[in-house]
Amino acid sequence: MSQSTSSPAGAEPVAQAHPHVRAVMRHLGLSLLWANIIPGALFYASFRIGNVWTALIVALTWCYGVMGWRLATGRRTSGLLWITALGLTVKTTVTLATGDTFLYFAQPAVNDAAVGFMFLVSLTSARPVVARLAGDFFPMTEEVASRPAVQRLCFRLTAFWAGVCMLKSFLTVWLLEHTTLSTFVAIKSVLTPTIAGLAVAVTLTVAFRALRSEGLLHGSTPATPLTPVAVTAQ
């Protein structure tokens, strides 16, 4: 006698791979907090209290300090934190080498273009950048990462963020050439978070839709139901 039923042995791994949207958002929020919000706040506060040199060194010290702490305690190092640290390292090195603080305002265009190019180049590899950063936002396993739908999602989001970075680079250069420095700072302080916010919203919308279709979020079911496992009663 045989009957179709789900194998209980796979219940625990499946449950672990189906987090709540709330948990994913919390994971994302913590990654952004450590890699972007705190370094940005430290930079701004240090700039107001001291100068651009102090701000650069304080923010850079935070990034490398956190990476060192995570490595020393065996925790996974955030890919976003590596990108932030790399950008700050380039800014600090160029600014200290030239002594020209104006370059600080121009460097984001170079950084964005470099990051965008890195995203584009990674599209030729088996694991584009978004696939490498996915663990910062979602509990990825080898099984999840190997799914064709997840691989397509990572490829498309990598191409999307390459375009976002190139757009930011172009707008920064255009503003520097066509506006005064005070106007540039005022517009950039609004334009940058607006573009980033819209890009994050698009990313989350597309990602959650794909994860739900694969049944990878809590309470969602895959678009293609899994084939039941046949268990033979003895």
Protein backbone atom coordinates (compact mmCIF):
# COMPACT_ATOMS: atom_id res chain seq x y z
CA MET A 1 0.00 0.00 0.00
CA SER A 2 1.38 3.40 -0.92
CA GLN A 3 0.33 6.99 -0.39
CA SER A 4 1.58 10.44 -1.40
CA THR A 5 2.81 12.57 1.44
CA SER A 6 5.46 15.14 2.10
CA SER A 7 8.72 13.97 3.56
CA PRO A 8 9.02 15.28 7.16
CA ALA A 9 12.79 15.05 7.00
CA GLY A 10 12.87 18.14 4.73
CA ALA A 11 10.50 20.21 6.87
CA GLU A 12 13.13 21.97 9.00
CA PRO A 13 15.45 23.12 6.17
CA VAL A 14 12.44 24.38 4.17
CA ALA A 15 11.15 26.36 7.16
CA GLN A 16 14.57 27.92 7.66
CA ALA A 17 14.65 28.97 4.00
CA HIS A 18 11.21 30.65 4.18
CA PRO A 19 11.72 33.76 6.33
CA HIS A 20 9.03 36.36 6.96
CA VAL A 21 9.21 39.54 4.89
CA ARG A 22 9.66 41.29 8.24
CA ALA A 23 12.80 39.24 8.92
CA VAL A 24 14.22 40.02 5.46
CA MET A 25 13.58 43.75 5.97
CA ARG A 26 15.25 43.60 9.40
CA HIS A 27 18.29 41.86 7.87
CA LEU A 28 18.43 44.49 5.11
CA GLY A 29 18.04 47.33 7.62
CA LEU A 30 20.93 46.07 9.75
CA SER A 31 23.19 45.69 6.71
CA LEU A 32 22.44 49.25 5.59
CA LEU A 33 22.85 50.55 9.15
CA TRP A 34 26.35 49.12 9.56
CA ALA A 35 27.58 49.78 6.03
CA ASN A 36 25.93 53.08 5.05
CA ILE A 37 23.94 54.92 7.71
CA ILE A 38 26.46 54.87 10.58
CA PRO A 39 29.51 55.69 8.39
CA GLY A 40 27.51 58.51 6.76
CA ALA A 41 26.40 59.89 10.13
CA LEU A 42 29.95 59.69 11.50
CA PHE A 43 31.27 61.48 8.42
CA TYR A 44 28.71 64.29 8.66
CA ALA A 45 29.18 64.78 12.43
CA SER A 46 33.00 64.75 12.12
CA PHE A 47 32.82 67.18 9.20
CA ARG A 48 30.66 69.60 11.21
CA ILE A 49 32.89 69.34 14.27
CA GLY A 50 36.25 69.23 12.48
CA ASN A 51 36.93 69.16 8.75
CA VAL A 52 36.82 66.87 5.73
CA TRP A 53 40.10 65.19 6.72
CA THR A 54 38.77 64.22 10.13
CA ALA A 55 35.50 63.05 8.61
CA LEU A 56 37.22 60.79 6.08
CA ILE A 57 39.50 59.19 8.67
CA VAL A 58 36.70 58.64 11.22
CA ALA A 59 34.37 57.02 8.68
CA LEU A 60 37.18 54.86 7.30
CA THR A 61 38.22 53.78 10.80
CA TRP A 62 34.63 52.70 11.51
CA CYS A 63 34.41 50.57 8.35
CA TYR A 64 37.72 48.76 8.83
CA GLY A 65 37.10 48.44 12.56
CA VAL A 66 33.76 46.70 11.98
CA MET A 67 35.23 44.43 9.30
CA GLY A 68 38.09 43.49 11.63
CA TRP A 69 35.68 42.78 14.48
CA ARG A 70 33.46 40.58 12.30
CA LEU A 71 36.44 38.64 10.98
CA ALA A 72 37.87 38.21 14.48
CA THR A 73 34.56 36.90 15.85
CA GLY A 74 33.90 34.59 12.90
CA ARG A 75 30.93 36.56 11.59
CA ARG A 76 30.16 36.96 7.88
CA THR A 77 31.59 40.23 6.52
CA SER A 78 29.02 42.33 4.70
CA GLY A 79 29.65 42.87 0.99
CA LEU A 80 28.07 46.33 1.32
CA LEU A 81 30.61 47.17 4.01
CA TRP A 82 33.46 46.17 1.69
CA ILE A 83 32.08 48.45 -1.06
CA THR A 84 31.70 51.38 1.38
CA ALA A 85 35.21 50.86 2.75
CA LEU A 86 36.66 50.68 -0.76
CA GLY A 87 34.94 53.91 -1.79
CA LEU A 88 36.11 55.73 1.34
CA THR A 89 39.64 54.39 0.90
CA VAL A 90 39.82 55.80 -2.64
CA LYS A 91 38.38 59.16 -1.49
CA THR A 92 40.79 59.40 1.45
CA THR A 93 43.84 58.40 -0.60
CA VAL A 94 43.16 60.84 -3.44
CA THR A 95 42.20 63.71 -1.11
CA LEU A 96 45.28 63.25 1.09
CA ALA A 97 47.59 62.82 -1.93
CA THR A 98 46.39 65.94 -3.76
CA GLY A 99 45.39 68.16 -0.84
CA ASP A 100 42.40 69.28 -2.92
CA THR A 101 39.14 68.86 -0.99
CA PHE A 102 37.17 69.80 -4.13
CA LEU A 103 38.07 66.37 -5.44
CA TYR A 104 36.02 64.92 -2.60
CA PHE A 105 32.88 66.21 -4.30
CA ALA A 106 33.99 64.97 -7.72
CA GLN A 107 35.09 61.53 -6.59
CA PRO A 108 31.57 60.10 -6.13
CA ALA A 109 31.18 60.29 -9.92
CA VAL A 110 34.36 58.24 -10.38
CA ASN A 111 33.33 55.81 -7.62
CA ASP A 112 29.85 55.33 -9.08
CA ALA A 113 31.28 54.75 -12.55
CA ALA A 114 33.81 52.24 -11.17
CA VAL A 115 31.14 50.37 -9.20
CA GLY A 116 28.80 50.37 -12.20
CA PHE A 117 31.58 49.00 -14.40
CA MET A 118 32.34 46.32 -11.80
CA PHE A 119 28.67 45.30 -11.81
CA LEU A 120 28.66 45.11 -15.61
CA VAL A 121 31.86 43.03 -15.76
CA SER A 122 30.49 40.63 -13.14
CA LEU A 123 27.63 39.79 -15.51
CA THR A 124 30.13 37.72 -17.50
CA SER A 125 30.86 35.53 -14.46
CA ALA A 126 28.89 32.69 -12.90
CA ARG A 127 28.11 34.86 -9.86
CA PRO A 128 27.33 38.52 -10.63
CA VAL A 129 27.73 41.09 -7.86
CA VAL A 130 24.13 40.91 -6.60
CA ALA A 131 24.49 37.14 -6.18
CA ARG A 132 27.57 37.76 -4.01
CA LEU A 133 25.76 40.42 -1.94
CA ALA A 134 22.49 38.49 -1.61
CA GLY A 135 23.58 36.96 1.70
CA ASP A 136 23.49 40.47 3.23
CA PHE A 137 19.73 40.58 2.70
CA PHE A 138 18.42 37.02 2.54
CA PRO A 139 19.43 33.72 4.18
CA MET A 140 20.88 32.15 1.05
CA THR A 141 21.68 28.46 0.78
CA GLU A 142 23.39 26.63 -2.08
CA GLU A 143 20.04 25.16 -3.09
CA VAL A 144 18.35 28.56 -3.23
CA ALA A 145 21.27 30.21 -5.03
CA SER A 146 21.30 27.47 -7.68
CA ARG A 147 17.66 27.95 -8.67
CA PRO A 148 17.32 29.32 -12.25
CA ALA A 149 14.74 31.93 -11.17
CA VAL A 150 17.05 33.21 -8.40
CA GLN A 151 20.02 33.29 -10.78
CA ARG A 152 17.96 35.28 -13.32
CA LEU A 153 16.90 37.67 -10.55
CA CYS A 154 20.52 38.28 -9.50
CA PHE A 155 21.57 38.84 -13.13
CA ARG A 156 18.79 41.35 -13.79
CA LEU A 157 19.32 43.24 -10.52
CA THR A 158 23.07 43.43 -11.19
CA ALA A 159 22.36 44.98 -14.60
CA PHE A 160 19.79 47.33 -13.02
CA TRP A 161 22.21 48.58 -10.33
CA ALA A 162 24.95 49.01 -12.92
CA GLY A 163 22.59 51.40 -14.72
CA VAL A 164 21.74 53.20 -11.45
CA CYS A 165 25.42 53.75 -10.66
CA MET A 166 26.18 55.02 -14.16
CA LEU A 167 23.20 57.41 -13.96
CA LYS A 168 24.40 58.79 -10.63
CA SER A 169 27.89 59.26 -12.05
CA PHE A 170 26.57 61.14 -15.09
CA LEU A 171 24.33 63.41 -13.01
CA THR A 172 27.17 64.22 -10.59
CA VAL A 173 29.48 65.29 -13.42
CA TRP A 174 26.73 67.31 -15.10
CA LEU A 175 25.86 69.15 -11.88
CA LEU A 176 29.51 69.94 -11.14
CA GLU A 177 29.93 71.43 -14.61
CA HIS A 178 26.68 73.41 -14.75
CA THR A 179 26.03 74.61 -11.17
CA THR A 180 27.88 76.40 -8.39
CA LEU A 181 29.35 74.33 -5.56
CA SER A 182 26.68 75.47 -3.08
CA THR A 183 23.90 74.60 -5.53
CA PHE A 184 25.59 71.28 -6.28
CA VAL A 185 25.66 70.33 -2.59
CA ALA A 186 22.03 71.34 -2.10
CA ILE A 187 20.76 69.39 -5.14
CA LYS A 188 23.00 66.38 -4.52
CA SER A 189 21.83 66.05 -0.90
CA VAL A 190 18.28 65.52 -2.21
CA LEU A 191 18.95 63.81 -5.54
CA THR A 192 21.24 61.03 -4.26
CA PRO A 193 18.92 59.64 -1.56
CA THR A 194 15.94 60.00 -3.93
CA ILE A 195 17.59 57.91 -6.64
CA ALA A 196 18.84 55.39 -4.09
CA GLY A 197 15.42 55.14 -2.44
CA LEU A 198 13.63 54.57 -5.74
CA ALA A 199 16.22 51.97 -6.79
CA VAL A 200 15.86 50.12 -3.48
CA ALA A 201 12.05 50.18 -3.81
CA VAL A 202 12.26 48.69 -7.32
CA THR A 203 14.77 46.08 -6.12
CA LEU A 204 12.60 45.00 -3.18
CA THR A 205 9.44 44.85 -5.31
CA VAL A 206 11.08 42.68 -7.98
CA ALA A 207 12.94 40.52 -5.45
CA PHE A 208 9.90 39.83 -3.24
CA ARG A 209 7.82 38.96 -6.30
CA ALA A 210 10.45 36.46 -7.45
CA LEU A 211 10.92 34.99 -3.96
CA ARG A 212 7.16 34.55 -3.53
CA SER A 213 6.87 32.84 -6.91
CA GLU A 214 9.55 30.40 -5.75
CA GLY A 215 7.81 29.86 -2.40
CA LEU A 216 10.83 31.24 -0.52
CA LEU A 217 8.97 33.65 1.75
CA HIS A 218 6.96 32.56 4.75
CA GLY A 219 3.36 31.83 3.78
CA SER A 220 4.04 31.83 0.03
CA THR A 221 3.68 28.85 -2.28
CA PRO A 222 5.76 28.16 -5.38
CA ALA A 223 4.20 28.89 -8.76
CA THR A 224 5.05 25.30 -9.74
CA PRO A 225 4.02 22.94 -6.92
CA LEU A 226 6.61 20.51 -5.69
CA THR A 227 6.09 16.88 -6.63
CA PRO A 228 5.00 14.86 -3.59
CA VAL A 229 7.34 12.23 -2.30
CA ALA A 230 5.90 8.71 -2.42
CA VAL A 231 6.30 6.84 0.86
CA THR A 232 5.60 3.12 0.92
CA ALA A 233 4.00 1.79 4.08
CA GLN A 234 5.51 -1.41 5.35
